[in-house]
Protein backbone atom coordinates (compact mmCIF):
# COMPACT_ATOMS: atom_id res chain seq x y z
CA MET A 1 150.88 184.35 135.50
CA PRO A 2 151.49 185.59 131.94
CA ASN A 3 155.13 186.56 132.59
CA GLU A 4 156.05 183.47 134.57
CA LEU A 5 159.49 182.14 133.59
CA PRO A 6 159.73 178.53 132.40
CA ARG A 7 160.68 176.36 135.37
CA PHE A 8 162.23 172.87 135.27
CA THR A 9 163.50 170.31 137.76
CA LEU A 10 166.41 168.03 136.96
CA ARG A 11 166.07 164.94 139.14
CA GLN A 12 168.92 163.85 141.38
CA LEU A 13 171.31 161.46 139.64
CA ILE A 14 173.80 158.87 140.84
CA LEU A 15 176.40 157.73 138.33
CA GLY A 16 178.99 154.98 138.38
CA GLY A 17 179.43 151.46 139.67
CA ASN A 18 180.14 150.24 143.16
CA GLN A 19 181.70 146.85 142.42
CA ALA A 20 185.38 146.81 143.31
CA GLU A 21 185.98 143.48 141.55
CA LEU A 22 184.81 141.68 138.46
CA ARG A 23 184.74 137.91 138.75
CA ILE A 24 185.08 136.07 135.45
CA PRO A 25 183.75 132.49 135.69
CA GLY A 26 186.42 129.91 134.91
CA ALA A 27 184.70 128.17 131.99
CA TRP A 28 184.12 131.44 130.15
CA LEU A 29 187.65 132.66 130.87
CA ARG A 30 189.17 129.39 129.70
CA ALA A 31 187.13 129.48 126.48
CA ALA A 32 188.29 133.04 125.86
CA THR A 33 191.96 132.28 126.46
CA SER A 34 192.25 128.74 125.04
CA ILE A 35 194.22 130.39 122.28
CA PRO A 36 196.25 133.21 123.87
CA PRO A 37 194.58 136.52 122.95
CA GLU A 38 197.95 138.11 122.32
CA SER A 39 198.70 135.47 119.66
CA LEU A 40 195.38 136.06 117.91
CA ALA A 41 195.88 139.82 118.01
CA SER A 42 199.42 139.57 116.65
CA GLN A 43 198.41 137.15 113.89
CA ALA A 44 195.49 139.32 112.76
CA TYR A 45 197.67 142.42 112.71
CA ARG A 46 200.51 140.76 110.81
CA LYS A 47 198.12 139.24 108.29
CA ALA A 48 196.55 142.63 107.58
CA ALA A 49 199.97 144.30 107.29
CA SER A 50 201.06 141.65 104.79
CA GLU A 51 197.93 142.15 102.68
CA ILE A 52 198.41 145.93 102.75
CA GLY A 53 202.09 145.66 101.86
CA ILE A 54 203.63 147.33 104.90
CA GLU A 55 206.05 146.14 107.54
CA PRO A 56 204.27 145.48 110.87
CA LEU A 57 205.61 147.03 114.06
CA SER A 58 206.69 144.62 116.77
CA GLY A 59 208.13 144.46 120.27
CA ASN A 60 209.30 147.74 121.77
CA LEU A 61 208.81 149.47 118.44
CA LEU A 62 205.08 148.70 118.52
CA ALA A 63 204.75 150.22 121.98
CA ALA A 64 206.93 153.24 121.20
CA GLU A 65 205.78 154.20 117.71
CA ARG A 66 202.19 152.97 117.27
CA SER A 67 200.67 156.38 117.93
CA GLN A 68 202.98 158.14 115.49
CA HIS A 69 202.47 155.38 112.93
CA VAL A 70 198.68 155.67 112.69
CA MET A 71 199.06 159.46 112.45
CA GLY A 72 201.34 159.13 109.43
CA LEU A 73 204.35 160.40 111.35
CA TYR A 74 206.41 157.19 111.46
CA ARG A 75 207.33 155.29 108.29
CA ARG A 76 205.31 157.95 106.54
CA ALA A 77 206.37 157.11 102.99
CA GLU A 78 205.25 153.50 103.39
CA LEU A 79 201.86 154.44 104.85
CA LEU A 80 201.30 157.15 102.23
CA ALA A 81 201.90 154.65 99.44
CA ALA A 82 199.53 152.13 101.04
CA SER A 83 196.89 154.83 101.56
CA GLN A 84 197.11 155.96 97.95
CA ARG A 85 196.77 152.38 96.71
CA THR A 86 193.72 151.89 98.91
CA LEU A 87 192.11 155.15 97.80
CA LEU A 88 192.69 154.24 94.16
CA ALA A 89 191.06 150.84 94.71
CA ILE A 90 188.11 152.50 96.45
CA GLU A 91 187.77 155.05 93.66
CA THR A 92 187.66 152.29 91.05
CA ALA A 93 184.94 150.41 92.94
CA ILE A 94 182.60 153.34 93.71
CA PRO A 95 179.29 152.47 92.02
CA SER A 96 177.98 156.02 91.49
CA ASP A 97 179.36 158.87 89.39
CA THR A 98 177.96 161.37 91.90
CA THR A 99 179.71 159.67 94.80
CA ARG A 100 182.91 159.41 92.79
CA ALA A 101 182.81 163.15 92.12
CA ARG A 102 182.54 163.82 95.86
CA PHE A 103 185.45 161.44 96.43
CA HIS A 104 187.62 163.34 93.90
CA ARG A 105 186.78 166.69 95.46
CA ILE A 106 187.96 165.50 98.89
CA PHE A 107 190.85 163.14 98.18
CA ARG A 108 192.22 164.29 94.79
CA PRO A 109 191.07 167.88 94.35
CA ARG A 110 193.88 169.03 92.03
CA GLY A 111 195.04 165.70 90.69
CA GLN A 112 197.22 165.05 93.75
CA TRP A 113 196.26 162.67 96.54
CA VAL A 114 195.35 164.18 99.91
CA VAL A 115 195.28 161.25 102.34
CA ASP A 116 195.63 162.81 105.80
CA LEU A 117 195.79 166.04 107.80
CA HIS A 118 199.45 166.66 106.92
CA ASP A 119 198.69 166.45 103.20
CA ALA A 120 195.66 168.71 103.71
CA ALA A 121 197.73 171.30 105.59
CA LEU A 122 200.37 171.42 102.87
CA ALA A 123 197.72 171.61 100.12
CA TRP A 124 196.00 174.52 101.89
CA ALA A 125 199.29 176.40 102.27
CA ARG A 126 200.25 175.80 98.61
CA ALA A 127 196.91 177.20 97.47
CA ARG A 128 198.16 180.51 98.95
CA ALA A 129 201.90 180.16 98.35
CA PRO A 130 202.42 177.66 95.48
CA ASN A 131 206.16 177.18 96.07
CA ILE A 132 206.00 176.50 99.81
CA GLY A 133 207.22 173.16 101.14
CA TRP A 134 207.98 171.60 104.51
CA GLU A 135 211.64 172.66 104.27
CA ALA A 136 210.70 176.32 104.36
CA ALA A 137 209.77 175.95 108.03
CA ARG A 138 212.97 174.18 109.05
CA PRO A 139 215.19 177.15 110.10
CA ALA A 140 212.56 178.64 112.40
CA LEU A 141 211.54 175.29 113.88
CA THR A 142 215.15 174.31 114.47
CA GLY A 143 216.05 177.66 116.02
CA ALA A 144 213.03 177.49 118.33
CA HIS A 145 213.98 173.92 119.34
CA TRP A 146 210.81 172.41 117.87
CA LEU A 147 212.80 170.26 115.48
CA ALA A 148 215.38 167.59 116.27
CA PRO A 149 218.70 167.59 114.41
CA ARG A 150 218.32 166.61 110.76
CA GLU A 151 219.96 163.21 111.05
CA ARG A 152 217.63 161.84 113.74
CA GLU A 153 214.53 161.17 111.64
CA PRO A 154 213.37 161.49 108.01
CA GLU A 155 212.49 165.02 106.92
CA ALA A 156 209.07 163.89 105.68
CA GLU A 157 208.21 162.95 109.27
CA ALA A 158 210.14 165.45 111.39
CA LEU A 159 208.66 168.62 109.95
CA PRO A 160 204.99 167.57 109.95
CA ARG A 161 205.47 166.14 113.45
CA ALA A 162 206.79 169.48 114.75
CA LEU A 163 203.99 171.47 113.11
CA TYR A 164 201.34 169.06 114.37
CA GLY A 165 202.77 169.52 117.88
CA LEU A 166 202.48 173.29 117.49
CA ALA A 167 198.88 172.93 116.28
CA VAL A 168 198.04 170.95 119.43
CA LEU A 169 199.76 173.56 121.60
CA ALA A 170 197.87 176.40 119.90
CA ALA A 171 194.55 174.70 120.67
CA THR A 172 195.33 173.65 124.25
CA ASP A 173 197.66 176.26 125.82
CA SER A 174 197.43 179.77 124.41
CA SER A 175 200.15 181.18 126.68
CA ALA A 176 202.68 178.51 125.78
CA PHE A 177 201.83 178.88 122.10
CA ALA A 178 202.36 182.65 122.24
CA ALA A 179 205.85 182.03 123.64
CA ALA A 180 206.58 179.40 120.96
CA LYS A 181 205.38 181.75 118.23
CA ALA A 182 207.64 184.55 119.49
CA SER A 183 210.56 182.12 119.50
CA LEU A 184 209.90 181.20 115.86
CA TRP A 185 209.99 184.88 114.84
CA ARG A 186 213.22 185.47 116.74
CA SER A 187 214.87 182.47 115.07
CA ASP A 188 214.17 183.32 111.44
CA SER A 189 211.35 185.68 110.44
CA ALA A 190 211.02 184.47 106.82
CA SER A 191 210.99 180.84 107.89
CA ALA A 192 208.60 181.67 110.74
CA ALA A 193 206.14 183.14 108.23
CA ALA A 194 206.26 179.86 106.28
CA ALA A 195 205.86 177.80 109.44
CA LEU A 196 202.83 179.82 110.53
CA LEU A 197 201.24 179.52 107.08
CA LEU A 198 201.64 175.75 107.28
CA LEU A 199 200.31 175.86 110.83
CA ASN A 200 197.20 177.65 109.58
CA GLY A 201 196.89 174.78 107.14
CA TYR A 202 196.63 172.39 110.08
CA THR A 203 193.86 174.48 111.62
CA GLU A 204 191.96 174.71 108.32
CA GLY A 205 192.70 171.05 107.62
CA GLN A 206 190.30 170.06 110.38
CA HIS A 207 187.42 170.87 108.03
CA TRP A 208 188.91 168.58 105.39
CA TYR A 209 189.36 165.86 107.99
CA ALA A 210 185.74 165.95 109.16
CA GLU A 211 184.60 165.91 105.53
CA ALA A 212 186.83 162.93 104.75
CA LEU A 213 185.49 160.89 107.68
CA ASN A 214 181.91 161.85 106.91
CA PHE A 215 182.41 160.69 103.33
CA PHE A 216 183.41 157.21 104.49
CA LEU A 217 180.57 157.08 107.01
CA ARG A 218 177.71 158.63 105.01
CA GLN A 219 178.32 158.15 101.31
CA PRO A 220 177.35 154.95 99.42
CA TRP A 221 180.87 154.14 98.29
CA VAL A 222 180.87 150.39 99.01
CA PRO A 223 179.68 148.33 96.00
CA GLY A 224 177.55 145.18 96.13
CA ALA A 225 174.01 144.10 96.87
CA ARG A 226 174.52 144.54 100.64
CA GLY A 227 176.79 147.51 100.26
CA GLY A 228 176.21 151.23 100.54
CA SER A 229 177.62 153.41 103.27
CA ILE A 230 179.22 152.49 106.58
CA GLN A 231 176.17 153.87 108.36
CA ASP A 232 174.03 151.40 106.37
CA TYR A 233 176.11 148.53 107.74
CA VAL A 234 175.85 149.83 111.30
CA ARG A 235 172.10 150.45 111.15
CA ARG A 236 171.37 147.04 109.68
CA SER A 237 173.31 145.40 112.50
CA TRP A 238 171.26 147.12 115.20
CA THR A 239 167.81 147.18 113.63
CA THR A 240 168.11 143.44 112.97
CA VAL A 241 168.16 142.98 116.75
CA TYR A 242 165.92 145.77 118.02
CA GLY A 243 163.72 146.60 115.04
CA ALA A 244 163.31 149.65 112.87
CA ARG A 245 162.11 151.76 115.80
CA PHE A 246 165.55 151.64 117.39
CA GLU A 247 167.34 154.75 116.18
CA ALA A 248 170.97 154.43 115.15
CA PRO A 249 171.71 157.99 113.98
CA LEU A 250 175.15 158.80 112.71
CA PRO A 251 176.87 160.74 115.52
CA ARG A 252 178.27 164.17 114.87
CA ILE A 253 182.02 164.07 114.15
CA GLU A 254 183.99 166.68 116.12
CA THR A 255 187.70 167.28 115.72
CA ARG A 256 189.61 167.81 118.96
CA TRP A 257 193.34 168.18 119.50
CA PHE A 258 194.24 165.41 121.94
CA GLY A 259 197.86 165.21 120.78
CA TYR A 260 197.65 161.50 120.05
CA PRO A 261 195.34 159.21 118.00
CA GLN A 262 192.32 159.35 120.27
CA ALA A 263 188.59 159.07 119.64
CA VAL A 264 185.97 159.29 122.40
CA PRO A 265 182.17 159.01 122.42
CA GLN A 266 180.04 161.88 123.72
CA TYR A 267 176.83 160.38 125.09
CA GLY A 268 173.56 162.03 124.18
CA VAL A 269 170.31 161.56 126.11
CA PRO A 270 167.67 159.27 124.54
CA ARG A 271 164.21 160.82 124.47
CA LYS A 272 162.74 158.15 126.75
CA LEU A 273 165.30 159.01 129.41
CA PHE A 274 164.98 162.78 128.91
CA GLU A 275 161.29 162.57 129.79
CA ARG A 276 162.23 160.96 133.12
CA LEU A 277 165.24 163.14 133.89
CA ILE A 278 163.76 166.59 133.54
CA HIS A 279 160.32 167.63 134.72
CA PRO A 280 158.61 170.80 133.41
CA GLU A 281 157.15 172.55 136.45
CA ASN A 282 154.79 175.05 134.81
CA PRO A 283 153.01 175.78 131.50
CA GLY A 284 155.81 178.14 130.52
CA ALA A 285 158.27 175.25 130.72
CA LEU A 286 156.10 173.14 128.41
CA GLU A 287 155.86 176.01 125.92
CA TRP A 288 159.61 176.64 126.07
CA LEU A 289 160.32 172.97 125.47
CA GLU A 290 157.94 172.80 122.53
CA ARG A 291 159.48 175.92 121.00
CA ASN A 292 163.17 175.18 121.60
CA GLY A 293 163.38 171.39 121.85
CA GLU A 294 165.12 168.93 124.13
CA PRO A 295 168.67 169.49 122.80
CA ASP A 296 168.50 173.21 123.65
CA LEU A 297 167.43 172.44 127.21
CA LEU A 298 170.34 170.01 127.58
CA ARG A 299 172.71 172.72 126.29
CA THR A 300 171.25 175.11 128.86
CA LEU A 301 172.29 172.73 131.64
CA ARG A 302 175.94 173.57 130.79
CA TRP A 303 175.33 177.07 132.14
CA LEU A 304 174.20 175.89 135.57
CA PRO A 305 176.69 176.83 138.33
CA GLN A 306 179.67 174.50 138.65
CA GLY A 307 179.49 174.61 142.44
CA ASP A 308 182.36 174.18 144.86
CA THR A 309 185.32 172.71 143.00
CA SER A 310 186.86 171.26 146.18
CA LEU A 311 186.30 167.56 146.82
CA SER A 312 183.01 167.06 148.67
CA LEU A 313 181.88 163.58 149.69
CA LEU A 314 178.57 162.20 150.89
CA ARG A 315 179.01 159.11 153.06
CA THR A 316 176.05 156.83 153.70
CA ARG A 317 175.90 153.51 155.52
CA THR A 318 176.84 151.58 152.38
CA GLU A 319 178.67 153.90 149.97
CA THR A 320 180.65 157.06 149.41
CA LEU A 321 179.64 159.46 146.66
CA ARG A 322 181.41 162.52 145.31
CA LEU A 323 179.15 165.55 144.97
CA THR A 324 179.30 167.32 141.65
CA THR A 325 177.14 169.26 139.20
CA VAL A 326 176.02 168.80 135.60
CA SER A 327 178.27 171.55 134.28
CA ARG A 328 181.34 170.31 136.16
CA GLN A 329 180.78 166.67 135.19
CA SER A 330 180.40 167.71 131.57
CA ARG A 331 183.73 169.56 131.64
CA GLU A 332 185.66 166.93 133.58
CA SER A 333 184.58 163.85 131.64
CA LEU A 334 186.09 162.97 128.27
CA ASN A 335 182.67 161.60 127.36
CA GLY A 336 180.78 164.73 128.32
CA PHE A 337 177.54 164.43 130.30
CA LEU A 338 173.88 164.72 129.33
CA GLU A 339 174.98 165.79 125.86
CA PRO A 340 172.42 167.27 123.43
CA GLN A 341 173.21 164.54 120.88
CA ASP A 342 175.57 161.67 120.29
CA ALA A 343 178.96 162.75 119.01
CA ILE A 344 182.46 161.37 118.51
CA ALA A 345 185.42 163.60 119.24
CA ILE A 346 188.55 162.55 117.34
CA ASP A 347 192.03 163.95 116.93
CA PRO A 348 192.41 165.07 113.29
CA GLY A 349 195.94 163.71 113.21
CA TYR A 350 194.57 160.15 113.16
CA SER A 351 194.90 159.07 109.51
CA PRO A 352 191.27 158.99 108.26
CA LEU A 353 191.53 155.66 106.44
CA LEU A 354 192.75 154.07 109.68
CA ALA A 355 190.36 156.09 111.82
CA VAL A 356 187.21 154.71 110.18
CA SER A 357 187.33 151.56 112.30
CA ALA A 358 188.04 153.62 115.44
CA VAL A 359 184.98 155.79 114.76
CA VAL A 360 182.77 152.73 114.25
CA HIS A 361 184.19 151.33 117.51
CA GLU A 362 183.13 154.48 119.39
CA TRP A 363 179.78 154.43 117.61
CA GLN A 364 179.18 150.98 119.10
CA HIS A 365 179.73 152.46 122.57
CA LEU A 366 177.11 155.12 121.81
CA LEU A 367 174.54 152.64 120.50
CA PHE A 368 175.11 150.18 123.34
CA ARG A 369 174.61 152.94 125.91
CA ARG A 370 171.55 154.25 124.08
CA ARG A 371 169.94 150.82 124.15
CA GLN A 372 170.83 150.34 127.83
CA LEU A 373 169.37 153.72 128.81
CA GLU A 374 166.22 153.22 126.78
CA ARG A 375 165.71 149.88 128.46
CA PHE A 376 166.30 151.47 131.85
CA ALA A 377 163.86 154.33 131.15
CA GLY A 378 161.21 151.90 129.90
CA ALA A 379 161.47 149.85 133.10
CA LEU A 380 160.75 152.95 135.20
CA GLY A 381 157.27 153.26 133.76
CA ASN A 382 155.29 156.38 134.58
CA LYS A 383 156.15 156.46 138.29
CA VAL A 384 159.58 158.06 138.23
CA PRO A 385 161.34 158.33 141.62
CA PRO A 386 162.87 161.68 142.64
CA MET A 387 166.36 160.11 142.46
CA LEU A 388 167.67 158.09 139.51
CA ARG A 389 170.63 155.75 139.74
CA LEU A 390 171.72 155.46 136.12
CA PRO A 391 172.94 152.02 135.04
CA TRP A 392 176.66 151.39 134.76
CA ILE A 393 178.62 149.39 132.15
CA GLN A 394 181.44 147.13 133.27
CA PRO A 395 184.53 148.43 131.36
CA HIS A 396 185.80 145.04 130.09
CA LEU A 397 182.37 144.27 128.70
CA ALA A 398 182.00 147.76 127.17
CA GLU A 399 185.34 147.65 125.37
CA GLY A 400 185.01 143.99 124.45
CA PHE A 401 181.64 144.58 122.86
CA ALA A 402 182.83 147.63 120.91
CA GLU A 403 185.86 145.70 119.61
CA TRP A 404 183.82 142.66 118.57
CA SER A 405 180.85 144.57 117.15
CA SER A 406 182.84 147.03 115.06
CA GLU A 407 185.01 144.23 113.69
CA ARG A 408 181.94 142.19 112.72
CA ILE A 409 180.12 145.13 111.11
CA LEU A 410 183.13 146.23 109.07
CA ALA A 411 184.22 142.73 108.02
CA PRO A 412 182.80 142.99 104.45
CA VAL A 413 184.66 146.28 103.97
CA THR A 414 187.97 145.42 105.65
CA ARG A 415 188.25 142.09 103.83
CA ARG A 416 188.39 144.06 100.61
CA TRP A 417 190.39 147.04 101.91
CA PRO A 418 192.39 145.80 104.95
CA LEU A 419 194.02 149.20 105.55
CA LEU A 420 190.72 150.33 107.09
CA ALA A 421 191.20 147.76 109.86
CA LEU A 422 194.89 148.44 110.50
CA GLY A 423 194.50 151.10 113.19
CA GLU A 424 192.34 148.95 115.46
CA LEU A 425 194.37 145.79 114.79
CA GLU A 426 197.61 147.60 115.60
CA LYS A 427 196.05 148.97 118.78
CA ARG A 428 194.86 145.54 119.89
CA ALA A 429 198.26 143.98 119.18
CA ASP A 430 199.93 146.68 121.26
CA LEU A 431 197.49 146.40 124.19
CA ASN A 432 197.71 142.60 124.28
CA GLN A 433 201.49 142.87 124.33
CA ARG A 434 201.31 145.26 127.30
CA GLY A 435 199.05 143.03 129.41
CA THR A 436 196.31 140.48 128.86
CA GLU A 437 194.06 142.05 131.52
CA ASP A 438 193.62 145.22 129.48
CA GLN A 439 189.94 146.08 129.02
CA HIS A 440 190.15 146.02 125.22
CA ALA A 441 192.32 142.90 125.04
CA LEU A 442 190.59 140.63 127.56
CA GLY A 443 187.17 142.16 126.91
CA TYR A 444 187.44 141.34 123.21
CA ALA A 445 188.51 137.76 123.98
CA LEU A 446 185.55 137.28 126.35
CA VAL A 447 182.96 138.69 123.95
CA ARG A 448 184.44 136.76 121.03
CA ALA A 449 184.16 133.51 123.03
CA LEU A 450 180.59 134.36 123.97
CA ALA A 451 179.63 135.05 120.35
CA SER A 452 181.17 131.74 119.29
CA ALA A 453 178.94 129.89 121.78
CA LEU A 454 175.70 131.47 120.57
CA PRO A 455 173.99 130.80 117.23
CA ASP A 456 173.24 134.41 116.33
CA PRO A 457 175.08 137.73 116.88
CA SER A 458 171.78 139.31 117.92
CA GLN A 459 171.68 137.02 120.96
CA THR A 460 175.16 138.14 121.92
CA MET A 461 174.22 141.81 121.65
CA ASP A 462 171.00 141.49 123.64
CA LEU A 463 172.57 139.33 126.34
CA LEU A 464 175.42 141.80 126.83
CA VAL A 465 173.03 144.73 127.16
CA ARG A 466 171.02 142.88 129.82
CA HIS A 467 174.16 142.01 131.82
CA ALA A 468 176.07 145.24 131.22
CA GLU A 469 176.59 146.04 134.90
CA ASP A 470 177.67 142.56 135.99
CA PRO A 471 178.72 140.17 133.20
CA ALA A 472 179.51 137.44 135.76
CA GLY A 473 175.90 136.29 135.42
CA ILE A 474 176.16 135.66 131.67
CA PRO A 475 177.25 131.97 131.86
CA ARG A 476 174.09 131.16 133.86
CA GLU A 477 171.86 132.15 130.94
CA PRO A 478 169.79 129.20 129.58
CA ALA A 479 171.22 129.68 126.09
CA LEU A 480 174.69 128.91 127.46
CA ARG A 481 173.93 125.85 129.57
CA GLY A 482 175.74 123.52 127.20
CA ALA A 483 178.51 125.92 126.28
CA TRP A 484 182.10 125.56 127.42
CA ARG A 485 181.35 122.16 128.95
CA SER A 486 184.90 120.96 128.43
CA TYR A 487 186.17 123.90 130.51
CA ARG A 488 183.95 123.39 133.54
CA GLY A 489 185.91 123.39 136.75
CA ALA A 490 188.53 125.77 135.37
CA PRO A 491 189.56 128.44 137.87
CA GLY A 492 188.00 131.86 137.51
CA GLN A 493 189.72 135.18 137.82
CA LYS A 494 189.05 138.37 139.72
CA LEU A 495 189.86 141.68 138.11
CA ARG A 496 190.00 145.02 139.81
CA SER A 497 187.23 147.18 138.48
CA PRO A 498 187.46 150.96 138.91
CA THR A 499 184.79 152.14 141.32
CA PHE A 500 183.60 155.69 141.29
CA GLN A 501 180.24 157.10 142.14
CA VAL A 502 179.08 160.67 141.89
CA LEU A 503 175.89 162.33 143.04
CA ILE A 504 174.36 165.27 141.20
CA PRO A 505 171.78 166.94 143.45
CA GLU A 506 168.28 167.70 142.30
CA VAL A 507 168.12 171.23 140.93
CA THR A 508 165.12 173.38 140.09
CA PHE A 509 165.79 176.31 137.76
CA THR A 510 164.13 178.88 135.56
CA ILE A 511 165.30 180.00 132.13
CA ASP A 512 165.52 183.65 131.17
CA ASP A 513 166.90 184.68 127.78
CA GLY A 514 168.53 181.28 127.32
CA PHE A 515 170.31 181.19 130.68
CA PRO A 516 169.30 179.15 133.75
CA ASP A 517 168.80 180.62 137.19
CA VAL A 518 168.82 178.14 140.09
CA VAL A 519 165.73 178.31 142.30
CA ALA A 520 166.52 175.42 144.65
CA THR A 521 169.02 172.59 145.12
CA ARG A 522 168.20 169.50 147.15
CA ILE A 523 170.18 166.39 148.13
CA LEU A 524 168.25 163.19 148.73
CA VAL A 525 170.38 160.85 150.84
CA PRO A 526 170.46 157.28 149.47
CA THR A 527 169.53 154.77 152.19
CA GLY A 528 171.06 151.75 150.49
CA ASP A 529 167.74 149.90 150.19
CA GLY A 530 166.45 151.70 147.12
CA ALA A 531 164.55 154.32 149.13
CA ASN A 532 165.27 158.03 149.49
CA ARG A 533 164.84 160.46 152.27
């Protein structure tokens, strides 16, 4: 039929793990905790702070102010000075005039340092009103109750903190922001105009922020024979293990107003898995796919109906699954779902020098998942079942690997410029202080102990990928037979592992003018023995 619409079938998917507990074998646990992880985390953080020339946070202060600190909103003057020293040292070491010119355009465009979003917002506002300063916004912010009394915190922190809070509100709650904006105008119209100009600077500053992070990730600013860009370091680490065919593309950087220093990975679909997830049902589908590409088809899935938003469960003999849809899962998950490409969403308030290590951390999550899914898709072969149960990653292992891998990859850079490690070190010190069972804290200790017992980091990476769903089997690997001998007989530990499973029914749809139209939806009931009916 010449006018037949392209028709596709997305196979039924089951996501999530069904293990309620993670058992850590005693010898491995004892090796990981022979030196208390909280002591190691605290020592590493304090050492870096000393090298940078700042006072480390500790105790209740670390828990209460860490987020504001890495956003340049607590002890701002100290962090600004350290950031400027680090940028000057980086500028001096850049091996290329072309790269140095890019650096100047981003970080010192008019002879003044721009080190974070707050600097960028003020610089943008001054390009339009040269005499504007933070103080101009004070009367309106105070009258609208967005600013604490003057004596409670330094002006250099209070005013940017209030404006950042308004920027988050503007992006996340339009009704509340409209009310806040009206309150500013009622308080002091001249000051409100200044506040809103600065607030526009925060919105426009997102472009500066993405450019700053992309500079550190893409540009060859690190000197030395093994230097180059951060993406060079990351790619070398992964291709050493899996060869040049393994793709380690730099993820897209997206700014998102979380309201705190957050970065999250958005998981794309590897091509090998795409070919097994979505089946073209007619020649028109093949032509559409050739013309538009896989990413466009994945974007189209966002327009499929969300379905019933009430909680619907499917109970089988062995498990309970929540029914959902692609579009709903994509909206509900911080990590997205079946994304067109890998991406990292990050709050632009996170100081970019400190955020570099956080971005590389999230990049490790993306690469680990890509390798796991490619391995899974390869094992399916050509006979793909109508229902796919996507592999899970145990959270302690996932976070532990990302902590260890990003630290190892960035070591040549952070040894020279320790400020680039401060954000992750401060986070780890805080999380270890809160509880040693935290996924980042204990996970890092476990992976670090594992890497110490193996002769090559590539063995650690490959072993973790193979045991991603249940790391309890790792100590039984032949390469570890002689490891941790002195700890044999030590008691193990059981950790509660979050269990959640969702089922996305099979859906057949056509595409007309870029939008999908559902033809049929089918649920295949899992039998618990690997079969479907």
